[in-house]
């Protein structure tokens, strides 16, 4: 083997070493990228679930709020106030007799 052949063989082994090192770096980077992708997908799913729960809670709150607004409007009606007084307080008009059923 001559000097030129030994130099070329040494150059090929160095190129192979650099290629292997480059492949390892690329593999590590791709592994990290894959891990990050999976982790972010998991976080996105959790965030979507929390968002859905908050939207459901918001819808329930709006429904309750609308019911309370209707009840406030009804409190301005004298007939409704009379119904509440009879039902919740057990009040009767003059001349009426209250009947209670006992089991």
PDB file of N, CA and C in Angstrom:
ATOM      1  N   UNK A   1       0.837  -1.147   0.000  1.00  0.00           N
ATOM      2  CA  UNK A   1       0.000   0.000   0.000  1.00  0.00           C
ATOM      3  C   UNK A   1       0.899   1.232   0.000  1.00  0.00           C
ATOM      4  N   UNK A   2       0.562   2.162  -0.825  1.00  0.00           N
ATOM      5  CA  UNK A   2       1.386   3.358  -0.947  1.00  0.00           C
ATOM      6  C   UNK A   2       0.859   4.433  -0.022  1.00  0.00           C
ATOM      7  N   UNK A   3       1.609   5.514   0.001  1.00  0.00           N
ATOM      8  CA  UNK A   3       1.240   6.644   0.853  1.00  0.00           C
ATOM      9  C   UNK A   3      -0.098   7.243   0.423  1.00  0.00           C
ATOM     10  N   UNK A   4      -0.371   7.354  -0.844  1.00  0.00           N
ATOM     11  CA  UNK A   4      -1.615   7.929  -1.368  1.00  0.00           C
ATOM     12  C   UNK A   4      -2.796   7.036  -1.011  1.00  0.00           C
ATOM     13  N   UNK A   5      -2.615   5.717  -1.120  1.00  0.00           N
ATOM     14  CA  UNK A   5      -3.699   4.788  -0.774  1.00  0.00           C
ATOM     15  C   UNK A   5      -4.015   4.824   0.711  1.00  0.00           C
ATOM     16  N   UNK A   6      -2.984   4.908   1.543  1.00  0.00           N
ATOM     17  CA  UNK A   6      -3.239   4.953   2.979  1.00  0.00           C
ATOM     18  C   UNK A   6      -3.904   6.266   3.374  1.00  0.00           C
ATOM     19  N   UNK A   7      -3.557   7.349   2.679  1.00  0.00           N
ATOM     20  CA  UNK A   7      -4.169   8.647   2.967  1.00  0.00           C
ATOM     21  C   UNK A   7      -5.637   8.624   2.536  1.00  0.00           C
ATOM     22  N   UNK A   8      -5.930   8.013   1.403  1.00  0.00           N
ATOM     23  CA  UNK A   8      -7.295   7.931   0.917  1.00  0.00           C
ATOM     24  C   UNK A   8      -8.127   7.045   1.855  1.00  0.00           C
ATOM     25  N   UNK A   9      -7.591   5.955   2.360  1.00  0.00           N
ATOM     26  CA  UNK A   9      -8.291   5.057   3.282  1.00  0.00           C
ATOM     27  C   UNK A   9      -8.573   5.775   4.591  1.00  0.00           C
ATOM     28  N   UNK A  10      -7.627   6.574   5.050  1.00  0.00           N
ATOM     29  CA  UNK A  10      -7.826   7.338   6.287  1.00  0.00           C
ATOM     30  C   UNK A  10      -8.900   8.391   6.073  1.00  0.00           C
ATOM     31  N   UNK A  11      -8.930   9.020   4.905  1.00  0.00           N
ATOM     32  CA  UNK A  11      -9.951  10.021   4.580  1.00  0.00           C
ATOM     33  C   UNK A  11     -11.329   9.406   4.511  1.00  0.00           C
ATOM     34  N   UNK A  12     -11.454   8.209   3.959  1.00  0.00           N
ATOM     35  CA  UNK A  12     -12.741   7.511   3.886  1.00  0.00           C
ATOM     36  C   UNK A  12     -13.254   7.147   5.275  1.00  0.00           C
ATOM     37  N   UNK A  13     -12.365   6.707   6.156  1.00  0.00           N
ATOM     38  CA  UNK A  13     -12.802   6.336   7.503  1.00  0.00           C
ATOM     39  C   UNK A  13     -13.243   7.578   8.276  1.00  0.00           C
ATOM     40  N   UNK A  14     -12.582   8.713   8.050  1.00  0.00           N
ATOM     41  CA  UNK A  14     -13.000   9.958   8.698  1.00  0.00           C
ATOM     42  C   UNK A  14     -14.344  10.421   8.171  1.00  0.00           C
ATOM     43  N   UNK A  15     -14.590  10.274   6.891  1.00  0.00           N
ATOM     44  CA  UNK A  15     -15.870  10.651   6.286  1.00  0.00           C
ATOM     45  C   UNK A  15     -16.983   9.750   6.821  1.00  0.00           C
ATOM     46  N   UNK A  16     -16.687   8.476   6.961  1.00  0.00           N
ATOM     47  CA  UNK A  16     -17.678   7.540   7.506  1.00  0.00           C
ATOM     48  C   UNK A  16     -18.012   7.898   8.948  1.00  0.00           C
ATOM     49  N   UNK A  17     -16.992   8.257   9.720  1.00  0.00           N
ATOM     50  CA  UNK A  17     -17.193   8.645  11.105  1.00  0.00           C
ATOM     51  C   UNK A  17     -18.077   9.904  11.184  1.00  0.00           C
ATOM     52  N   UNK A  18     -17.775  10.906  10.332  1.00  0.00           N
ATOM     53  CA  UNK A  18     -18.577  12.134  10.317  1.00  0.00           C
ATOM     54  C   UNK A  18     -20.012  11.841   9.891  1.00  0.00           C
ATOM     55  N   UNK A  19     -20.190  10.964   8.937  1.00  0.00           N
ATOM     56  CA  UNK A  19     -21.515  10.589   8.468  1.00  0.00           C
ATOM     57  C   UNK A  19     -22.304   9.899   9.583  1.00  0.00           C
ATOM     58  N   UNK A  20     -21.660   9.002  10.319  1.00  0.00           N
ATOM     59  CA  UNK A  20     -22.317   8.323  11.443  1.00  0.00           C
ATOM     60  C   UNK A  20     -22.693   9.336  12.523  1.00  0.00           C
ATOM     61  N   UNK A  21     -21.779  10.250  12.826  1.00  0.00           N
ATOM     62  CA  UNK A  21     -22.049  11.272  13.832  1.00  0.00           C
ATOM     63  C   UNK A  21     -23.215  12.155  13.387  1.00  0.00           C
ATOM     64  N   UNK A  22     -23.234  12.536  12.112  1.00  0.00           N
ATOM     65  CA  UNK A  22     -24.318  13.353  11.567  1.00  0.00           C
ATOM     66  C   UNK A  22     -25.650  12.599  11.648  1.00  0.00           C
ATOM     67  N   UNK A  23     -25.646  11.314  11.355  1.00  0.00           N
ATOM     68  CA  UNK A  23     -26.862  10.494  11.420  1.00  0.00           C
ATOM     69  C   UNK A  23     -27.365  10.406  12.860  1.00  0.00           C
ATOM     70  N   UNK A  24     -26.449  10.293  13.831  1.00  0.00           N
ATOM     71  CA  UNK A  24     -26.839  10.231  15.246  1.00  0.00           C
ATOM     72  C   UNK A  24     -27.465  11.554  15.677  1.00  0.00           C
ATOM     73  N   UNK A  25     -26.844  12.665  15.258  1.00  0.00           N
ATOM     74  CA  UNK A  25     -27.385  13.981  15.606  1.00  0.00           C
ATOM     75  C   UNK A  25     -28.780  14.152  15.012  1.00  0.00           C
ATOM     76  N   UNK A  26     -28.952  13.770  13.754  1.00  0.00           N
ATOM     77  CA  UNK A  26     -30.268  13.866  13.104  1.00  0.00           C
ATOM     78  C   UNK A  26     -31.279  12.975  13.819  1.00  0.00           C
ATOM     79  N   UNK A  27     -30.889  11.760  14.197  1.00  0.00           N
ATOM     80  CA  UNK A  27     -31.797  10.837  14.889  1.00  0.00           C
ATOM     81  C   UNK A  27     -32.205  11.407  16.241  1.00  0.00           C
ATOM     82  N   UNK A  28     -31.245  11.978  16.973  1.00  0.00           N
ATOM     83  CA  UNK A  28     -31.571  12.585  18.265  1.00  0.00           C
ATOM     84  C   UNK A  28     -32.527  13.761  18.091  1.00  0.00           C
ATOM     85  N   UNK A  29     -32.258  14.597  17.091  1.00  0.00           N
ATOM     86  CA  UNK A  29     -33.134  15.736  16.839  1.00  0.00           C
ATOM     87  C   UNK A  29     -34.543  15.277  16.483  1.00  0.00           C
ATOM     88  N   UNK A  30     -34.659  14.267  15.639  1.00  0.00           N
ATOM     89  CA  UNK A  30     -35.977  13.756  15.246  1.00  0.00           C
ATOM     90  C   UNK A  30     -36.707  13.136  16.443  1.00  0.00           C
ATOM     91  N   UNK A  31     -35.952  12.467  17.315  1.00  0.00           N
ATOM     92  CA  UNK A  31     -36.559  11.924  18.532  1.00  0.00           C
ATOM     93  C   UNK A  31     -37.104  13.023  19.417  1.00  0.00           C
ATOM     94  N   UNK A  32     -36.315  14.073  19.586  1.00  0.00           N
ATOM     95  CA  UNK A  32     -36.764  15.209  20.395  1.00  0.00           C
ATOM     96  C   UNK A  32     -37.986  15.864  19.765  1.00  0.00           C
ATOM     97  N   UNK A  33     -37.968  16.026  18.431  1.00  0.00           N
ATOM     98  CA  UNK A  33     -39.098  16.641  17.734  1.00  0.00           C
ATOM     99  C   UNK A  33     -40.360  15.783  17.880  1.00  0.00           C
ATOM    100  N   UNK A  34     -40.211  14.470  17.778  1.00  0.00           N
ATOM    101  CA  UNK A  34     -41.352  13.568  17.954  1.00  0.00           C
ATOM    102  C   UNK A  34     -41.919  13.646  19.365  1.00  0.00           C
ATOM    103  N   UNK A  35     -41.038  13.651  20.360  1.00  0.00           N
ATOM    104  CA  UNK A  35     -41.476  13.760  21.754  1.00  0.00           C
ATOM    105  C   UNK A  35     -42.224  15.072  21.974  1.00  0.00           C
ATOM    106  N   UNK A  36     -41.692  16.165  21.444  1.00  0.00           N
ATOM    107  CA  UNK A  36     -42.329  17.467  21.586  1.00  0.00           C
ATOM    108  C   UNK A  36     -43.696  17.474  20.906  1.00  0.00           C
ATOM    109  N   UNK A  37     -43.803  16.872  19.737  1.00  0.00           N
ATOM    110  CA  UNK A  37     -45.068  16.810  19.013  1.00  0.00           C
ATOM    111  C   UNK A  37     -46.122  16.055  19.822  1.00  0.00           C
ATOM    112  N   UNK A  38     -45.751  14.911  20.356  1.00  0.00           N
ATOM    113  CA  UNK A  38     -46.687  14.108  21.143  1.00  0.00           C
ATOM    114  C   UNK A  38     -47.095  14.867  22.406  1.00  0.00           C
ATOM    115  N   UNK A  39     -46.134  15.489  23.077  1.00  0.00           N
ATOM    116  CA  UNK A  39     -46.421  16.231  24.297  1.00  0.00           C
ATOM    117  C   UNK A  39     -47.359  17.400  24.021  1.00  0.00           C
ATOM    118  N   UNK A  40     -47.136  18.129  22.937  1.00  0.00           N
ATOM    119  CA  UNK A  40     -48.000  19.255  22.601  1.00  0.00           C
ATOM    120  C   UNK A  40     -49.397  18.792  22.206  1.00  0.00           C
ATOM    121  N   UNK A  41     -49.503  17.671  21.540  1.00  0.00           N
ATOM    122  CA  UNK A  41     -50.818  17.128  21.184  1.00  0.00           C
ATOM    123  C   UNK A  41     -51.598  16.772  22.444  1.00  0.00           C
ATOM    124  N   UNK A  42     -50.909  16.204  23.424  1.00  0.00           N
ATOM    125  CA  UNK A  42     -51.550  15.863  24.692  1.00  0.00           C
ATOM    126  C   UNK A  42     -52.020  17.126  25.408  1.00  0.00           C
ATOM    127  N   UNK A  43     -51.183  18.146  25.448  1.00  0.00           N
ATOM    128  CA  UNK A  43     -51.556  19.409  26.087  1.00  0.00           C
ATOM    129  C   UNK A  43     -52.725  20.065  25.356  1.00  0.00           C
ATOM    130  N   UNK A  44     -52.738  19.981  24.037  1.00  0.00           N
ATOM    131  CA  UNK A  44     -53.826  20.563  23.264  1.00  0.00           C
ATOM    132  C   UNK A  44     -55.141  19.855  23.576  1.00  0.00           C
ATOM    133  N   UNK A  45     -55.094  18.543  23.704  1.00  0.00           N
ATOM    134  CA  UNK A  45     -56.302  17.780  24.032  1.00  0.00           C
ATOM    135  C   UNK A  45     -56.826  18.159  25.414  1.00  0.00           C
ATOM    136  N   UNK A  46     -55.926  18.283  26.387  1.00  0.00           N
ATOM    137  CA  UNK A  46     -56.331  18.680  27.736  1.00  0.00           C
ATOM    138  C   UNK A  46     -56.929  20.082  27.726  1.00  0.00           C
ATOM    139  N   UNK A  47     -56.331  20.983  26.981  1.00  0.00           N
ATOM    140  CA  UNK A  47     -56.843  22.348  26.902  1.00  0.00           C
ATOM    141  C   UNK A  47     -58.210  22.371  26.230  1.00  0.00           C
ATOM    142  N   UNK A  48     -58.400  21.556  25.205  1.00  0.00           N
ATOM    143  CA  UNK A  48     -59.696  21.480  24.529  1.00  0.00           C
ATOM    144  C   UNK A  48     -60.771  20.953  25.477  1.00  0.00           C
ATOM    145  N   UNK A  49     -60.416  19.986  26.312  1.00  0.00           N
ATOM    146  CA  UNK A  49     -61.377  19.450  27.289  1.00  0.00           C
ATOM    147  C   UNK A  49     -61.749  20.512  28.313  1.00  0.00           C
ATOM    148  N   UNK A  50     -60.740  21.267  28.797  1.00  0.00           N
ATOM    149  CA  UNK A  50     -61.030  22.341  29.751  1.00  0.00           C
ATOM    150  C   UNK A  50     -61.898  23.417  29.118  1.00  0.00           C
ATOM    151  N   UNK A  51     -61.623  23.749  27.857  1.00  0.00           N
ATOM    152  CA  UNK A  51     -62.409  24.750  27.149  1.00  0.00           C
ATOM    153  C   UNK A  51     -63.860  24.297  27.008  1.00  0.00           C
ATOM    154  N   UNK A  52     -64.070  23.029  26.682  1.00  0.00           N
ATOM    155  CA  UNK A  52     -65.438  22.501  26.549  1.00  0.00           C
ATOM    156  C   UNK A  52     -66.172  22.562  27.887  1.00  0.00           C
ATOM    157  N   UNK A  53     -65.477  22.227  28.967  1.00  0.00           N
ATOM    158  CA  UNK A  53     -66.101  22.282  30.291  1.00  0.00           C
ATOM    159  C   UNK A  53     -66.465  23.716  30.662  1.00  0.00           C
ATOM    160  N   UNK A  54     -65.587  24.650  30.352  1.00  0.00           N
ATOM    161  CA  UNK A  54     -65.860  26.052  30.670  1.00  0.00           C
ATOM    162  C   UNK A  54     -67.019  26.570  29.825  1.00  0.00           C
ATOM    163  N   UNK A  55     -67.073  26.158  28.548  1.00  0.00           N
ATOM    164  CA  UNK A  55     -68.190  26.581  27.701  1.00  0.00           C
ATOM    165  C   UNK A  55     -69.518  26.022  28.213  1.00  0.00           C
ATOM    166  N   UNK A  56     -69.515  24.773  28.684  1.00  0.00           N
ATOM    167  CA  UNK A  56     -70.733  24.199  29.262  1.00  0.00           C
ATOM    168  C   UNK A  56     -71.147  24.969  30.511  1.00  0.00           C
ATOM    169  N   UNK A  57     -70.183  25.295  31.346  1.00  0.00           N
ATOM    170  CA  UNK A  57     -70.469  26.053  32.561  1.00  0.00           C
ATOM    171  C   UNK A  57     -71.008  27.436  32.202  1.00  0.00           C
ATOM    172  N   UNK A  58     -70.446  28.061  31.177  1.00  0.00           N
ATOM    173  CA  UNK A  58     -70.910  29.374  30.738  1.00  0.00           C
ATOM    174  C   UNK A  58     -72.344  29.295  30.224  1.00  0.00           C
ATOM    175  N   UNK A  59     -72.664  28.245  29.476  1.00  0.00           N
ATOM    176  CA  UNK A  59     -74.033  28.079  28.968  1.00  0.00           C
ATOM    177  C   UNK A  59     -75.015  27.893  30.123  1.00  0.00           C
ATOM    178  N   UNK A  60     -74.634  27.108  31.126  1.00  0.00           N
ATOM    179  CA  UNK A  60     -75.497  26.913  32.295  1.00  0.00           C
ATOM    180  C   UNK A  60     -75.681  28.226  33.052  1.00  0.00           C
ATOM    181  N   UNK A  61     -74.622  29.001  33.156  1.00  0.00           N
ATOM    182  CA  UNK A  61     -74.709  30.281  33.850  1.00  0.00           C
ATOM    183  C   UNK A  61     -75.624  31.242  33.102  1.00  0.00           C
ATOM    184  N   UNK A  62     -75.531  31.265  31.760  1.00  0.00           N
ATOM    185  CA  UNK A  62     -76.421  32.115  30.973  1.00  0.00           C
ATOM    186  C   UNK A  62     -77.877  31.689  31.145  1.00  0.00           C
ATOM    187  N   UNK A  63     -78.104  30.373  31.169  1.00  0.00           N
ATOM    188  CA  UNK A  63     -79.456  29.861  31.344  1.00  0.00           C
ATOM    189  C   UNK A  63     -80.009  30.271  32.714  1.00  0.00           C
ATOM    190  N   UNK A  64     -79.195  30.116  33.746  1.00  0.00           N
ATOM    191  CA  UNK A  64     -79.614  30.505  35.093  1.00  0.00           C
ATOM    192  C   UNK A  64     -79.847  32.016  35.168  1.00  0.00           C
ATOM    193  N   UNK A  65     -78.977  32.786  34.523  1.00  0.00           N
ATOM    194  CA  UNK A  65     -79.105  34.238  34.518  1.00  0.00           C
ATOM    195  C   UNK A  65     -80.408  34.667  33.852  1.00  0.00           C
ATOM    196  N   UNK A  66     -80.746  34.036  32.723  1.00  0.00           N
ATOM    197  CA  UNK A  66     -82.001  34.357  32.049  1.00  0.00           C
ATOM    198  C   UNK A  66     -83.207  34.010  32.918  1.00  0.00           C
ATOM    199  N   UNK A  67     -83.135  32.887  33.623  1.00  0.00           N
ATOM    200  CA  UNK A  67     -84.219  32.518  34.535  1.00  0.00           C
ATOM    201  C   UNK A  67     -84.388  33.526  35.654  1.00  0.00           C
ATOM    202  N   UNK A  68     -83.270  33.997  36.189  1.00  0.00           N
ATOM    203  CA  UNK A  68     -83.345  34.995  37.261  1.00  0.00           C
ATOM    204  C   UNK A  68     -83.881  36.329  36.749  1.00  0.00           C
ATOM    205  N   UNK A  69     -83.532  36.678  35.514  1.00  0.00           N
ATOM    206  CA  UNK A  69     -84.068  37.920  34.934  1.00  0.00           C
ATOM    207  C   UNK A  69     -85.586  37.826  34.772  1.00  0.00           C
ATOM    208  N   UNK A  70     -86.060  36.666  34.304  1.00  0.00           N
ATOM    209  CA  UNK A  70     -87.507  36.476  34.163  1.00  0.00           C
ATOM    210  C   UNK A  70     -88.193  36.572  35.516  1.00  0.00           C
ATOM    211  N   UNK A  71     -87.567  35.976  36.532  1.00  0.00           N
ATOM    212  CA  UNK A  71     -88.150  36.028  37.868  1.00  0.00           C
ATOM    213  C   UNK A  71     -88.175  37.471  38.379  1.00  0.00           C
ATOM    214  N   UNK A  72     -87.139  38.264  38.094  1.00  0.00           N
ATOM    215  CA  UNK A  72     -87.127  39.666  38.497  1.00  0.00           C
ATOM    216  C   UNK A  72     -88.256  40.433  37.817  1.00  0.00           C
ATOM    217  N   UNK A  73     -88.466  40.152  36.539  1.00  0.00           N
ATOM    218  CA  UNK A  73     -89.555  40.817  35.822  1.00  0.00           C
ATOM    219  C   UNK A  73     -90.904  40.428  36.402  1.00  0.00           C
ATOM    220  N   UNK A  74     -91.045  39.175  36.779  1.00  0.00           N
ATOM    221  CA  UNK A  74     -92.318  38.711  37.349  1.00  0.00           C
ATOM    222  C   UNK A  74     -92.568  39.300  38.725  1.00  0.00           C
ATOM    223  N   UNK A  75     -91.517  39.696  39.436  1.00  0.00           N
ATOM    224  CA  UNK A  75     -91.706  40.280  40.762  1.00  0.00           C
ATOM    225  C   UNK A  75     -92.378  41.652  40.695  1.00  0.00           C
ATOM    226  N   UNK A  76     -92.434  42.246  39.525  1.00  0.00           N
ATOM    227  CA  UNK A  76     -93.150  43.509  39.356  1.00  0.00           C
ATOM    228  C   UNK A  76     -94.646  43.291  39.130  1.00  0.00           C
ATOM    229  N   UNK A  77     -95.076  42.054  38.982  1.00  0.00           N
ATOM    230  CA  UNK A  77     -96.476  41.716  38.730  1.00  0.00           C
ATOM    231  C   UNK A  77     -97.173  41.438  40.071  1.00  0.00           C
ATOM    232  N   UNK A  78     -98.234  42.182  40.391  1.00  0.00           N
ATOM    233  CA  UNK A  78     -98.931  41.975  41.678  1.00  0.00           C
ATOM    234  C   UNK A  78     -99.539  40.579  41.826  1.00  0.00           C
ATOM    235  N   UNK A  79     -99.998  39.977  40.739  1.00  0.00           N
ATOM    236  CA  UNK A  79    -100.588  38.636  40.830  1.00  0.00           C
ATOM    237  C   UNK A  79     -99.536  37.597  41.221  1.00  0.00           C
ATOM    238  N   UNK A  80     -98.329  37.753  40.673  1.00  0.00           N
ATOM    239  CA  UNK A  80     -97.251  36.815  41.012  1.00  0.00           C
ATOM    240  C   UNK A  80     -96.857  36.971  42.481  1.00  0.00           C
ATOM    241  N   UNK A  81     -96.815  38.200  42.951  1.00  0.00           N
ATOM    242  CA  UNK A  81     -96.476  38.436  44.360  1.00  0.00           C
ATOM    243  C   UNK A  81     -97.544  37.813  45.252  1.00  0.00           C
ATOM    244  N   UNK A  82     -98.794  37.917  44.834  1.00  0.00           N
ATOM    245  CA  UNK A  82     -99.880  37.299  45.598  1.00  0.00           C
ATOM    246  C   UNK A  82     -99.715  35.779  45.633  1.00  0.00           C
ATOM    247  N   UNK A  83     -99.368  35.187  44.499  1.00  0.00           N
ATOM    248  CA  UNK A  83     -99.144  33.736  44.463  1.00  0.00           C
ATOM    249  C   UNK A  83     -98.014  33.330  45.404  1.00  0.00           C
ATOM    250  N   UNK A  84     -96.920  34.099  45.381  1.00  0.00           N
ATOM    251  CA  UNK A  84     -95.800  33.783  46.270  1.00  0.00           C
ATOM    252  C   UNK A  84     -96.205  33.897  47.731  1.00  0.00           C
ATOM    253  N   UNK A  85     -96.961  34.922  48.062  1.00  0.00           N
ATOM    254  CA  UNK A  85     -97.393  35.114  49.453  1.00  0.00           C
ATOM    255  C   UNK A  85     -98.267  33.944  49.897  1.00  0.00           C
ATOM    256  N   UNK A  86     -99.156  33.492  49.038  1.00  0.00           N
ATOM    257  CA  UNK A  86    -100.028  32.366  49.400  1.00  0.00           C
ATOM    258  C   UNK A  86     -99.223  31.064  49.531  1.00  0.00           C
ATOM    259  N   UNK A  87     -98.332  30.837  48.567  1.00  0.00           N
ATOM    260  CA  UNK A  87     -97.611  29.568  48.516  1.00  0.00           C
ATOM    261  C   UNK A  87     -96.520  29.479  49.579  1.00  0.00           C
ATOM    262  N   UNK A  88     -95.677  30.497  49.674  1.00  0.00           N
ATOM    263  CA  UNK A  88     -94.509  30.409  50.555  1.00  0.00           C
ATOM    264  C   UNK A  88     -94.797  30.862  51.985  1.00  0.00           C
ATOM    265  N   UNK A  89     -95.691  31.850  52.157  1.00  0.00           N
ATOM    266  CA  UNK A  89     -95.939  32.387  53.487  1.00  0.00           C
ATOM    267  C   UNK A  89     -97.240  31.873  54.105  1.00  0.00           C
ATOM    268  N   UNK A  90     -98.060  31.205  53.298  1.00  0.00           N
ATOM    269  CA  UNK A  90     -99.323  30.673  53.819  1.00  0.00           C
ATOM    270  C   UNK A  90    -100.343  31.770  54.086  1.00  0.00           C
ATOM    271  N   UNK A  91    -100.253  32.901  53.411  1.00  0.00           N
ATOM    272  CA  UNK A  91    -101.174  34.016  53.620  1.00  0.00           C
ATOM    273  C   UNK A  91    -102.470  33.770  52.851  1.00  0.00           C
ATOM    274  N   UNK A  92    -103.559  34.322  53.381  1.00  0.00           N
ATOM    275  CA  UNK A  92    -104.865  34.230  52.730  1.00  0.00           C
ATOM    276  C   UNK A  92    -105.495  35.615  52.712  1.00  0.00           C
ATOM    277  N   UNK A  93    -106.460  35.815  51.805  1.00  0.00           N
ATOM    278  CA  UNK A  93    -107.190  37.079  51.749  1.00  0.00           C
ATOM    279  C   UNK A  93    -108.215  37.110  52.874  1.00  0.00           C
ATOM    280  N   UNK A  94    -108.695  38.313  53.166  1.00  0.00           N
ATOM    281  CA  UNK A  94    -109.743  38.454  54.193  1.00  0.00           C
ATOM    282  C   UNK A  94    -110.979  37.690  53.741  1.00  0.00           C
ATOM    283  N   UNK A  95    -111.524  36.930  54.656  1.00  0.00           N
ATOM    284  CA  UNK A  95    -112.720  36.172  54.373  1.00  0.00           C
ATOM    285  C   UNK A  95    -112.438  34.758  53.858  1.00  0.00           C
ATOM    286  N   UNK A  96    -111.205  34.450  53.500  1.00  0.00           N
ATOM    287  CA  UNK A  96    -110.867  33.110  53.038  1.00  0.00           C
ATOM    288  C   UNK A  96    -110.410  32.261  54.211  1.00  0.00           C
ATOM    289  N   UNK A  97    -110.616  30.969  54.106  1.00  0.00           N
ATOM    290  CA  UNK A  97    -110.174  30.039  55.138  1.00  0.00           C
ATOM    291  C   UNK A  97    -109.134  29.115  54.511  1.00  0.00           C
ATOM    292  N   UNK A  98    -108.041  28.999  55.215  1.00  0.00           N
ATOM    293  CA  UNK A  98    -106.958  28.146  54.696  1.00  0.00           C
ATOM    294  C   UNK A  98    -107.213  26.712  55.098  1.00  0.00           C
ATOM    295  N   UNK A  99    -107.081  25.801  54.118  1.00  0.00           N
ATOM    296  CA  UNK A  99    -107.303  24.385  54.365  1.00  0.00           C
ATOM    297  C   UNK A  99    -105.944  23.679  54.245  1.00  0.00           C
ATOM    298  N   UNK A 100    -105.614  22.913  55.276  1.00  0.00           N
ATOM    299  CA  UNK A 100    -104.363  22.154  55.243  1.00  0.00           C
ATOM    300  C   UNK A 100    -104.695  20.675  55.290  1.00  0.00           C
ATOM    301  N   UNK A 101    -104.073  19.932  54.405  1.00  0.00           N
ATOM    302  CA  UNK A 101    -104.279  18.487  54.337  1.00  0.00           C
ATOM    303  C   UNK A 101    -103.178  17.820  55.166  1.00  0.00           C
ATOM    304  N   UNK A 102    -103.576  17.016  56.137  1.00  0.00           N
ATOM    305  CA  UNK A 102    -102.624  16.305  56.981  1.00  0.00           C
ATOM    306  C   UNK A 102    -102.726  14.817  56.671  1.00  0.00           C
ATOM    307  N   UNK A 103    -101.579  14.224  56.421  1.00  0.00           N
ATOM    308  CA  UNK A 103    -101.584  12.793  56.103  1.00  0.00           C
ATOM    309  C   UNK A 103    -101.412  11.959  57.347  1.00  0.00           C
TER     310      UNK A 103
END
